[in-house]
Protein backbone atom coordinates (compact mmCIF):
# COMPACT_ATOMS: atom_id res chain seq x y z
CA UNK A 1 -18.75 7.41 -23.74
CA UNK A 2 -16.39 7.60 -20.92
CA UNK A 3 -17.01 5.30 -17.88
CA UNK A 4 -15.56 6.27 -15.06
CA UNK A 5 -13.67 4.63 -12.40
CA UNK A 6 -16.41 3.53 -9.85
CA UNK A 7 -18.43 1.96 -13.00
CA UNK A 8 -15.28 0.23 -14.47
CA UNK A 9 -15.06 -1.34 -10.34
CA UNK A 10 -18.86 -2.48 -10.71
CA UNK A 11 -19.60 -3.41 -14.24
CA UNK A 12 -23.38 -2.74 -14.27
CA UNK A 13 -25.40 -5.20 -15.74
CA UNK A 14 -26.12 -7.39 -12.45
CA UNK A 15 -29.92 -5.98 -12.63
CA UNK A 16 -30.78 -6.10 -16.35
CA UNK A 17 -32.79 -8.57 -18.31
CA UNK A 18 -29.96 -10.94 -19.95
CA UNK A 19 -30.60 -9.37 -23.48
CA UNK A 20 -30.25 -5.80 -22.11
CA UNK A 21 -26.93 -6.67 -20.32
CA UNK A 22 -25.51 -8.70 -23.67
CA UNK A 23 -26.35 -5.81 -25.61
CA UNK A 24 -24.74 -3.63 -23.28
CA UNK A 25 -21.59 -5.95 -22.91
CA UNK A 26 -21.25 -6.06 -26.75
CA UNK A 27 -22.13 -2.37 -27.15
CA UNK A 28 -19.31 -1.69 -24.91
CA UNK A 29 -16.66 -3.91 -26.22
CA UNK A 30 -17.75 -2.28 -30.29
CA UNK A 31 -16.73 1.10 -28.97
CA UNK A 32 -13.35 -0.42 -26.71
CA UNK A 33 -12.37 -2.04 -30.06
CA UNK A 34 -13.17 1.43 -32.05
CA UNK A 35 -11.67 3.98 -29.62
CA UNK A 36 -8.50 1.49 -29.90
CA UNK A 37 -8.30 1.99 -34.09
CA UNK A 38 -8.67 5.58 -33.94
CA UNK A 39 -6.43 6.01 -31.05
CA UNK A 40 -2.59 6.23 -32.25
CA UNK A 41 -0.46 4.31 -30.02
CA UNK A 42 0.95 6.08 -27.03
CA UNK A 43 4.38 7.39 -27.41
CA UNK A 44 6.92 5.43 -24.81
CA UNK A 45 7.74 7.58 -21.99
CA UNK A 46 11.53 8.81 -21.60
CA UNK A 47 12.99 7.25 -18.93
CA UNK A 48 12.85 9.43 -15.73
CA UNK A 49 16.04 9.26 -13.89
CA UNK A 50 15.84 8.61 -10.02
CA UNK A 51 16.12 11.97 -8.37
CA UNK A 52 18.96 12.26 -6.12
CA UNK A 53 18.42 15.62 -4.26
CA UNK A 54 16.35 15.32 -1.51
CA UNK A 55 13.10 17.05 -1.30
CA UNK A 56 13.21 20.79 0.05
CA UNK A 57 12.67 20.58 4.05
CA UNK A 58 8.80 21.31 4.96
CA UNK A 59 5.55 19.47 4.76
CA UNK A 60 3.74 18.39 1.53
CA UNK A 61 0.05 17.98 1.47
CA UNK A 62 -0.08 16.04 -2.15
CA UNK A 63 2.81 14.50 -2.64
CA UNK A 64 2.51 11.21 -5.06
CA UNK A 65 3.26 8.13 -2.89
CA UNK A 66 5.65 7.25 -6.01
CA UNK A 67 7.90 10.83 -5.58
CA UNK A 68 7.69 10.04 -1.76
CA UNK A 69 9.62 6.82 -2.09
CA UNK A 70 11.92 8.02 -4.72
CA UNK A 71 13.28 10.81 -2.74
CA UNK A 72 16.56 9.73 -1.16
CA UNK A 73 16.13 10.54 2.29
CA UNK A 74 16.22 8.47 5.43
CA UNK A 75 12.56 6.91 5.92
CA UNK A 76 11.99 4.62 8.89
CA UNK A 77 12.04 1.41 6.61
CA UNK A 78 15.53 2.58 5.54
CA UNK A 79 16.55 3.19 9.51
CA UNK A 80 15.46 -0.43 9.90
CA UNK A 81 17.75 -2.30 6.89
CA UNK A 82 20.65 -0.12 8.09
CA UNK A 83 20.49 -1.91 11.60
CA UNK A 84 19.98 -5.50 9.79
CA UNK A 85 23.44 -4.39 8.06
CA UNK A 86 25.02 -1.36 5.88
CA UNK A 87 24.52 -3.82 2.34
CA UNK A 88 21.42 -4.22 3.38
CA UNK A 89 20.21 -0.38 3.16
CA UNK A 90 22.50 -0.37 0.13
CA UNK A 91 20.60 -3.02 -2.10
CA UNK A 92 17.43 -1.33 -1.65
CA UNK A 93 18.57 2.17 -2.12
CA UNK A 94 19.01 5.03 -4.56
CA UNK A 95 22.69 4.10 -4.50
CA UNK A 96 22.29 0.81 -6.35
CA UNK A 97 21.85 1.56 -10.09
CA UNK A 98 20.36 -1.92 -10.34
CA UNK A 99 17.79 -2.10 -7.52
CA UNK A 100 14.15 -3.12 -8.06
CA UNK A 101 11.32 -1.47 -7.42
CA UNK A 102 8.73 -4.23 -8.10
CA UNK A 103 8.91 -6.06 -4.19
CA UNK A 104 4.70 -5.46 -4.29
CA UNK A 105 3.15 -8.46 -2.74
CA UNK A 106 -0.78 -9.43 -2.14
CA UNK A 107 -0.46 -8.19 1.72
CA UNK A 108 0.97 -5.02 0.44
CA UNK A 109 -1.56 -4.59 -2.29
CA UNK A 110 -4.59 -5.19 0.69
CA UNK A 111 -2.61 -2.94 2.71
CA UNK A 112 -2.72 -0.18 -0.03
CA UNK A 113 -6.60 -0.84 -0.46
CA UNK A 114 -7.42 -0.76 3.35
CA UNK A 115 -6.00 3.06 3.20
CA UNK A 116 -7.54 4.08 0.31
CA UNK A 117 -10.92 2.89 1.88
CA UNK A 118 -10.61 4.29 5.43
CA UNK A 119 -8.30 7.28 4.21
CA UNK A 120 -10.06 8.50 1.03
CA UNK A 121 -13.70 7.15 1.57
CA UNK A 122 -15.56 5.11 -1.32
CA UNK A 123 -14.81 7.47 -4.14
CA UNK A 124 -11.00 7.36 -3.74
CA UNK A 125 -11.22 3.76 -3.22
CA UNK A 126 -12.79 3.19 -6.52
CA UNK A 127 -10.11 5.63 -8.52
CA UNK A 128 -7.57 2.98 -7.43
CA UNK A 129 -9.14 -0.72 -6.77
CA UNK A 130 -11.46 -2.81 -8.56
CA UNK A 131 -12.45 -6.55 -7.61
CA UNK A 132 -12.27 -8.98 -10.18
CA UNK A 133 -15.23 -10.38 -11.73
CA UNK A 134 -16.38 -13.71 -10.78
CA UNK A 135 -19.03 -15.95 -13.09
CA UNK A 136 -21.59 -15.91 -10.18
CA UNK A 137 -22.21 -12.43 -10.50
CA UNK A 138 -23.48 -12.67 -14.08
CA UNK A 139 -26.04 -15.94 -13.88
CA UNK A 140 -26.40 -17.86 -17.42
CA UNK A 141 -23.07 -16.62 -18.95
CA UNK A 142 -20.96 -19.02 -20.79
CA UNK A 143 -17.66 -19.58 -19.15
CA UNK A 144 -15.84 -22.62 -20.18
CA UNK A 145 -15.03 -24.27 -23.25
CA UNK A 146 -18.05 -27.20 -22.69
CA UNK A 147 -20.21 -24.02 -22.01
CA UNK A 148 -19.53 -22.34 -25.54
CA UNK A 149 -19.63 -25.74 -27.19
CA UNK A 150 -23.00 -26.74 -25.75
CA UNK A 151 -24.65 -23.71 -26.65
CA UNK A 152 -22.84 -24.18 -30.36
CA UNK A 153 -25.10 -27.54 -30.00
CA UNK A 154 -28.34 -25.88 -29.47
CA UNK A 155 -27.38 -23.16 -32.14
CA UNK A 156 -26.64 -25.65 -34.86
CA UNK A 157 -23.43 -24.54 -35.33
CA UNK A 158 -19.89 -26.47 -35.30
CA UNK A 159 -18.12 -27.21 -31.97
CA UNK A 160 -14.72 -27.08 -33.29
CA UNK A 161 -12.22 -24.31 -32.77
CA UNK A 162 -10.81 -22.35 -29.80
CA UNK A 163 -13.02 -20.14 -27.14
CA UNK A 164 -12.90 -17.03 -29.12
CA UNK A 165 -14.03 -19.09 -32.36
CA UNK A 166 -16.74 -20.50 -30.84
CA UNK A 167 -18.14 -17.20 -29.04
CA UNK A 168 -17.75 -15.23 -32.44
CA UNK A 169 -20.30 -18.05 -33.88
CA UNK A 170 -22.62 -17.76 -30.90
CA UNK A 171 -22.29 -13.88 -31.28
CA UNK A 172 -23.17 -13.96 -34.61
CA UNK A 173 -26.48 -16.26 -34.06
CA UNK A 174 -27.40 -15.04 -30.28
CA UNK A 175 -26.26 -11.64 -29.56
CA UNK A 176 -28.13 -11.78 -26.05
CA UNK A 177 -26.02 -14.78 -24.61
CA UNK A 178 -23.16 -13.18 -22.41
CA UNK A 179 -19.71 -15.18 -22.51
CA UNK A 180 -17.53 -14.47 -19.55
CA UNK A 181 -14.71 -13.99 -21.41
CA UNK A 182 -16.25 -10.82 -22.87
CA UNK A 183 -16.62 -9.69 -19.55
CA UNK A 184 -13.02 -10.08 -18.77
CA UNK A 185 -11.86 -8.36 -21.79
CA UNK A 186 -13.96 -5.45 -20.84
CA UNK A 187 -12.92 -5.42 -17.19
CA UNK A 188 -9.22 -5.86 -18.07
CA UNK A 189 -9.44 -2.50 -20.55
CA UNK A 190 -10.92 -0.28 -18.12
CA UNK A 191 -8.25 -1.48 -15.71
CA UNK A 192 -5.60 -0.57 -18.08
CA UNK A 193 -7.02 2.55 -19.19
CA UNK A 194 -7.94 3.87 -15.56
CA UNK A 195 -4.63 2.41 -13.81
CA UNK A 196 -6.39 0.32 -11.23
CA UNK A 197 -5.19 -2.10 -8.84
CA UNK A 198 -7.15 -5.40 -8.99
CA UNK A 199 -8.41 -7.14 -6.13
CA UNK A 200 -9.68 -10.94 -5.69
CA UNK A 201 -13.39 -11.24 -4.09
CA UNK A 202 -11.30 -12.70 -0.84
CA UNK A 203 -9.28 -9.94 -0.72
CA UNK A 204 -11.82 -7.48 -1.69
CA UNK A 205 -14.05 -8.64 1.40
CA UNK A 206 -10.60 -8.65 4.24
CA UNK A 207 -10.82 -4.93 3.22
CA UNK A 208 -13.99 -4.03 3.43
CA UNK A 209 -14.34 -6.25 6.80
CA UNK A 210 -11.28 -4.70 8.30
CA UNK A 211 -12.70 -0.82 7.24
CA UNK A 212 -15.87 -1.39 8.59
CA UNK A 213 -14.59 -2.18 11.84
CA UNK A 214 -12.98 1.29 12.16
CA UNK A 215 -15.94 2.53 11.03
CA UNK A 216 -18.43 1.01 13.90
CA UNK A 217 -15.98 1.86 16.51
CA UNK A 218 -16.51 5.51 17.41
CA UNK A 219 -13.00 5.90 18.60
CA UNK A 220 -11.50 4.18 15.78
CA UNK A 221 -13.59 5.91 13.17
CA UNK A 222 -12.67 9.51 15.08
CA UNK A 223 -9.14 8.83 14.23
CA UNK A 224 -9.74 9.35 10.95
CA UNK A 225 -12.02 12.53 10.79
CA UNK A 226 -10.46 16.24 11.03
CA UNK A 227 -7.53 15.81 9.54
CA UNK A 228 -5.84 15.10 6.25
CA UNK A 229 -4.64 11.62 4.75
CA UNK A 230 -1.10 11.14 3.25
CA UNK A 231 0.99 14.20 4.59
CA UNK A 232 4.86 14.13 3.99
CA UNK A 233 7.55 15.65 6.06
CA UNK A 234 11.12 16.14 5.04
CA UNK A 235 13.85 17.79 7.11
CA UNK A 236 17.66 17.54 7.99
CA UNK A 237 18.44 16.38 11.58
CA UNK A 238 21.05 18.08 13.58
CA UNK A 239 23.85 15.83 11.61
CA UNK A 240 22.97 16.93 8.61
CA UNK A 241 21.42 13.47 7.57
CA UNK A 242 18.20 14.13 4.91
CA UNK A 243 15.01 12.27 6.76
CA UNK A 244 11.54 12.12 5.51
CA UNK A 245 8.19 10.47 6.72
CA UNK A 246 4.78 9.93 5.56
CA UNK A 247 2.00 10.28 8.08
CA UNK A 248 -1.03 7.74 7.13
CA UNK A 249 -3.57 10.58 8.76
CA UNK A 250 -2.54 13.84 10.46
CA UNK A 251 -4.73 15.56 13.24
CA UNK A 252 -4.25 19.11 15.05
CA UNK A 253 -2.62 16.66 18.09
CA UNK A 254 -2.23 13.33 16.50
CA UNK A 255 -0.26 11.23 14.18
CA UNK A 256 -2.18 8.34 13.02
CA UNK A 257 -0.92 5.14 11.24
CA UNK A 258 -2.82 2.31 10.34
CA UNK A 259 -1.23 -1.02 11.00
CA UNK A 260 -1.76 -4.94 10.03
CA UNK A 261 -0.63 -7.80 12.39
CA UNK A 262 -0.92 -11.37 12.06
CA UNK A 263 -2.63 -13.79 14.63
CA UNK A 264 -2.03 -17.31 13.25
CA UNK A 265 -1.34 -18.88 16.47
CA UNK A 266 -4.77 -17.77 18.09
CA UNK A 267 -2.98 -15.49 21.03
CA UNK A 268 -4.95 -12.79 22.85
CA UNK A 269 -5.37 -9.88 20.86
CA UNK A 270 -2.82 -7.72 22.86
CA UNK A 271 -0.36 -10.05 22.57
CA UNK A 272 -0.52 -10.31 19.28
CA UNK A 273 0.04 -6.44 18.47
CA UNK A 274 2.80 -6.42 21.00
CA UNK A 275 4.40 -9.22 19.25
CA UNK A 276 3.87 -7.36 16.01
CA UNK A 277 5.36 -4.07 17.51
CA UNK A 278 8.12 -5.99 18.25
CA UNK A 279 8.89 -7.97 15.14
CA UNK A 280 8.32 -5.05 12.38
CA UNK A 281 9.93 -2.77 14.81
CA UNK A 282 6.75 -0.19 14.49
CA UNK A 283 8.14 1.06 17.74
CA UNK A 284 11.10 2.84 15.68
CA UNK A 285 8.72 3.87 13.09
CA UNK A 286 7.01 5.59 15.71
CA UNK A 287 9.92 7.08 17.21
CA UNK A 288 11.38 8.32 13.76
CA UNK A 289 7.87 10.11 13.13
CA UNK A 290 7.71 11.94 16.65
CA UNK A 291 11.13 12.96 15.81
CA UNK A 292 9.68 14.32 12.64
CA UNK A 293 6.90 16.29 14.16
CA UNK A 294 8.83 19.27 15.67
CA UNK A 295 10.44 19.78 11.75
CA UNK A 296 6.53 19.75 10.81
CA UNK A 297 5.82 22.06 13.66
CA UNK A 298 8.58 24.55 12.51
CA UNK A 299 7.87 24.51 9.05
CA UNK A 300 4.24 25.09 9.41
CA UNK A 301 5.12 28.16 11.40
CA UNK A 302 7.77 29.53 8.94
CA UNK A 303 5.48 28.43 5.67
CA UNK A 304 7.47 25.75 4.52
CA UNK A 305 4.38 24.20 2.51
CA UNK A 306 3.71 22.99 -0.62
CA UNK A 307 0.86 21.40 -2.44
CA UNK A 308 -3.03 22.28 -1.80
CA UNK A 309 -3.34 22.20 1.70
CA UNK A 310 -7.06 21.15 2.61
CA UNK A 311 -6.78 21.91 6.36
CA UNK A 312 -9.08 25.37 6.98
CA UNK A 313 -6.84 28.84 7.31
CA UNK A 314 -5.21 29.11 11.24
CA UNK A 315 -4.19 25.28 11.20
CA UNK A 316 -0.85 26.15 11.72
CA UNK A 317 -1.51 27.80 15.11
CA UNK A 318 -3.83 24.77 16.21
CA UNK A 319 -1.61 22.22 16.13
CA UNK A 320 -0.19 20.74 19.44
CA UNK A 321 3.56 21.31 20.36
CA UNK A 322 6.02 19.17 19.98
CA UNK A 323 6.02 17.90 23.28
CA UNK A 324 2.59 17.34 23.47
CA UNK A 325 1.80 15.40 20.13
CA UNK A 326 0.47 11.55 19.95
CA UNK A 327 1.09 8.44 18.13
CA UNK A 328 -1.71 6.44 17.47
CA UNK A 329 -1.83 3.39 15.94
CA UNK A 330 -4.99 1.43 14.31
CA UNK A 331 -4.19 -2.21 14.01
CA UNK A 332 -6.23 -4.32 12.18
CA UNK A 333 -6.12 -8.45 11.89
CA UNK A 334 -5.05 -9.73 8.46
CA UNK A 335 -6.34 -13.19 8.96
CA UNK A 336 -9.48 -14.65 11.09
CA UNK A 337 -11.62 -12.70 12.52
CA UNK A 338 -11.59 -8.63 11.25
CA UNK A 339 -10.46 -7.41 14.42
CA UNK A 340 -9.42 -3.85 14.86
CA UNK A 341 -7.98 -2.14 17.54
CA UNK A 342 -6.26 1.18 18.55
CA UNK A 343 -3.09 1.59 20.72
CA UNK A 344 -1.06 5.02 20.83
CA UNK A 345 1.90 6.42 22.77
CA UNK A 346 3.49 9.62 23.57
CA UNK A 347 6.71 11.63 23.13
CA UNK A 348 8.08 10.80 26.64
CA UNK A 349 6.83 7.01 26.74
CA UNK A 350 9.61 5.00 28.23
CA UNK A 351 8.71 2.52 25.46
CA UNK A 352 10.51 4.28 22.81
CA UNK A 353 14.35 4.35 24.60
CA UNK A 354 15.19 1.46 22.97
CA UNK A 355 13.83 2.84 19.52
CA UNK A 356 15.66 5.87 20.03
CA UNK A 357 19.09 4.27 20.94
CA UNK A 358 18.71 2.38 17.56
CA UNK A 359 17.25 5.49 15.26
CA UNK A 360 21.06 6.92 16.71
CA UNK A 361 22.89 3.89 15.93
CA UNK A 362 21.42 3.46 12.22
CA UNK A 363 22.03 7.34 11.51
CA UNK A 364 25.56 6.87 12.78
CA UNK A 365 25.97 3.58 10.58
CA UNK A 366 24.66 5.95 7.36
CA UNK A 367 26.74 8.89 8.53
CA UNK A 368 30.05 6.49 8.71
CA UNK A 369 28.82 4.26 5.37
CA UNK A 370 28.65 7.42 3.54
CA UNK A 371 31.62 8.87 4.46
CA UNK A 372 33.67 5.54 3.99
CA UNK A 373 32.20 4.44 0.34
CA UNK A 374 30.35 7.30 -0.79
CA UNK A 375 27.61 5.80 -3.52
CA UNK A 376 29.84 2.71 -4.23
CA UNK A 377 28.89 -0.37 -3.31
CA UNK A 378 28.53 -0.73 0.80
CA UNK A 379 30.44 -3.91 1.08
CA UNK A 380 30.55 -6.17 3.75
CA UNK A 381 34.32 -5.55 5.12
CA UNK A 382 34.11 -6.84 8.82
CA UNK A 383 36.92 -8.64 10.15
CA UNK A 384 36.60 -12.50 11.21
CA UNK A 385 35.78 -12.74 14.50
CA UNK A 386 35.69 -16.00 16.93
CA UNK A 387 32.45 -17.09 18.06
CA UNK A 388 31.48 -16.90 21.89
CA UNK A 389 29.62 -18.96 23.90
CA UNK A 390 27.50 -16.18 25.23
CA UNK A 391 26.50 -15.70 21.33
CA UNK A 392 24.46 -18.44 20.98
CA UNK A 393 21.24 -19.13 22.37
CA UNK A 394 20.86 -19.90 26.30
CA UNK A 395 19.82 -23.62 25.25
CA UNK A 396 22.72 -23.93 23.25
CA UNK A 397 25.51 -23.07 26.04
CA UNK A 398 28.08 -25.24 27.63
CA UNK A 399 26.82 -24.56 30.99
CA UNK A 400 23.29 -25.30 30.21
CA UNK A 401 22.87 -28.81 31.84
CA UNK A 402 21.03 -31.39 29.60
CA UNK A 403 18.50 -34.05 30.46
CA UNK A 404 18.61 -37.33 28.63
């Protein structure tokens, strides 16, 4: 019996009688064990070298996220790293043969889950994420060692041994009893088989609350209608630098990006969002994405479109001119009340002036370092310079009067 991911995400026994539930669980565990015995162990996949050649310029509609991130073209995160220091870019780039790709965090997982639920709907979400089972969902199940010992006493069985040994005795005498470790084992087997990411109950609640806020606000809900999610654009800029961008959601006249913001100090939401934009340089990302749009526009007209495009025929003639495209943020608060609000910015907005200068500076640093170091380590070789009074915060300067 093939269990689809949506079933894996919700082990469907809550509504059954305890005897039926136990039978279903034990049957599925036995089936899973039989599958393991009959199936040959999968061959170890050959290691895939990181690509050193960028994708061809154009629009990619169904490019896997891993393939996008592996591409060596400059994305907005790379530009931010270049502004920190060239070594900061090199450390995380394809040029570093020892770089680690495992930089995942719980916050990033929640972000991916929200993206999947909002952009791909329940079906797409269930193919990628599942909620970790909790004992409360299975009344009467045996969870702790003491629970299992108590049941063994009731059945007249020895109470010594490991949980696995106790559970085996209980199953032999009372197959209608649910052992929570069996539920976890079945769940983990399903997660492994279907490649699911697991969310704890509080994380799942946070994701669903944020998604519900978007759906209940008609203005925000429309931001994710009439378009297509996860559109990747690759281009080469006027100076020959390969670049890339991946829109969370692309509509004929809007690029939509879903972002989180923190507000632990309970500031007014507008202020918290403005601080998030400045701290995480969301404005720089917006500028980079708006810079990508003329290349998307040209690629659409010239037919440089890759993958399965879900948009209706003639879409390339209906998209906005490059000077009329709008960039939209949908912000959701990641702590406290699930506040969700939208903001937008245009190509001509003065709010992007600083970001434009910094994008240009980051690309200049990139070109200089490529010419100087090539694929070798981008070392920190600046000369020693004298610290000036004006380099310090205002409160540390000599001309600031001190008060007793």
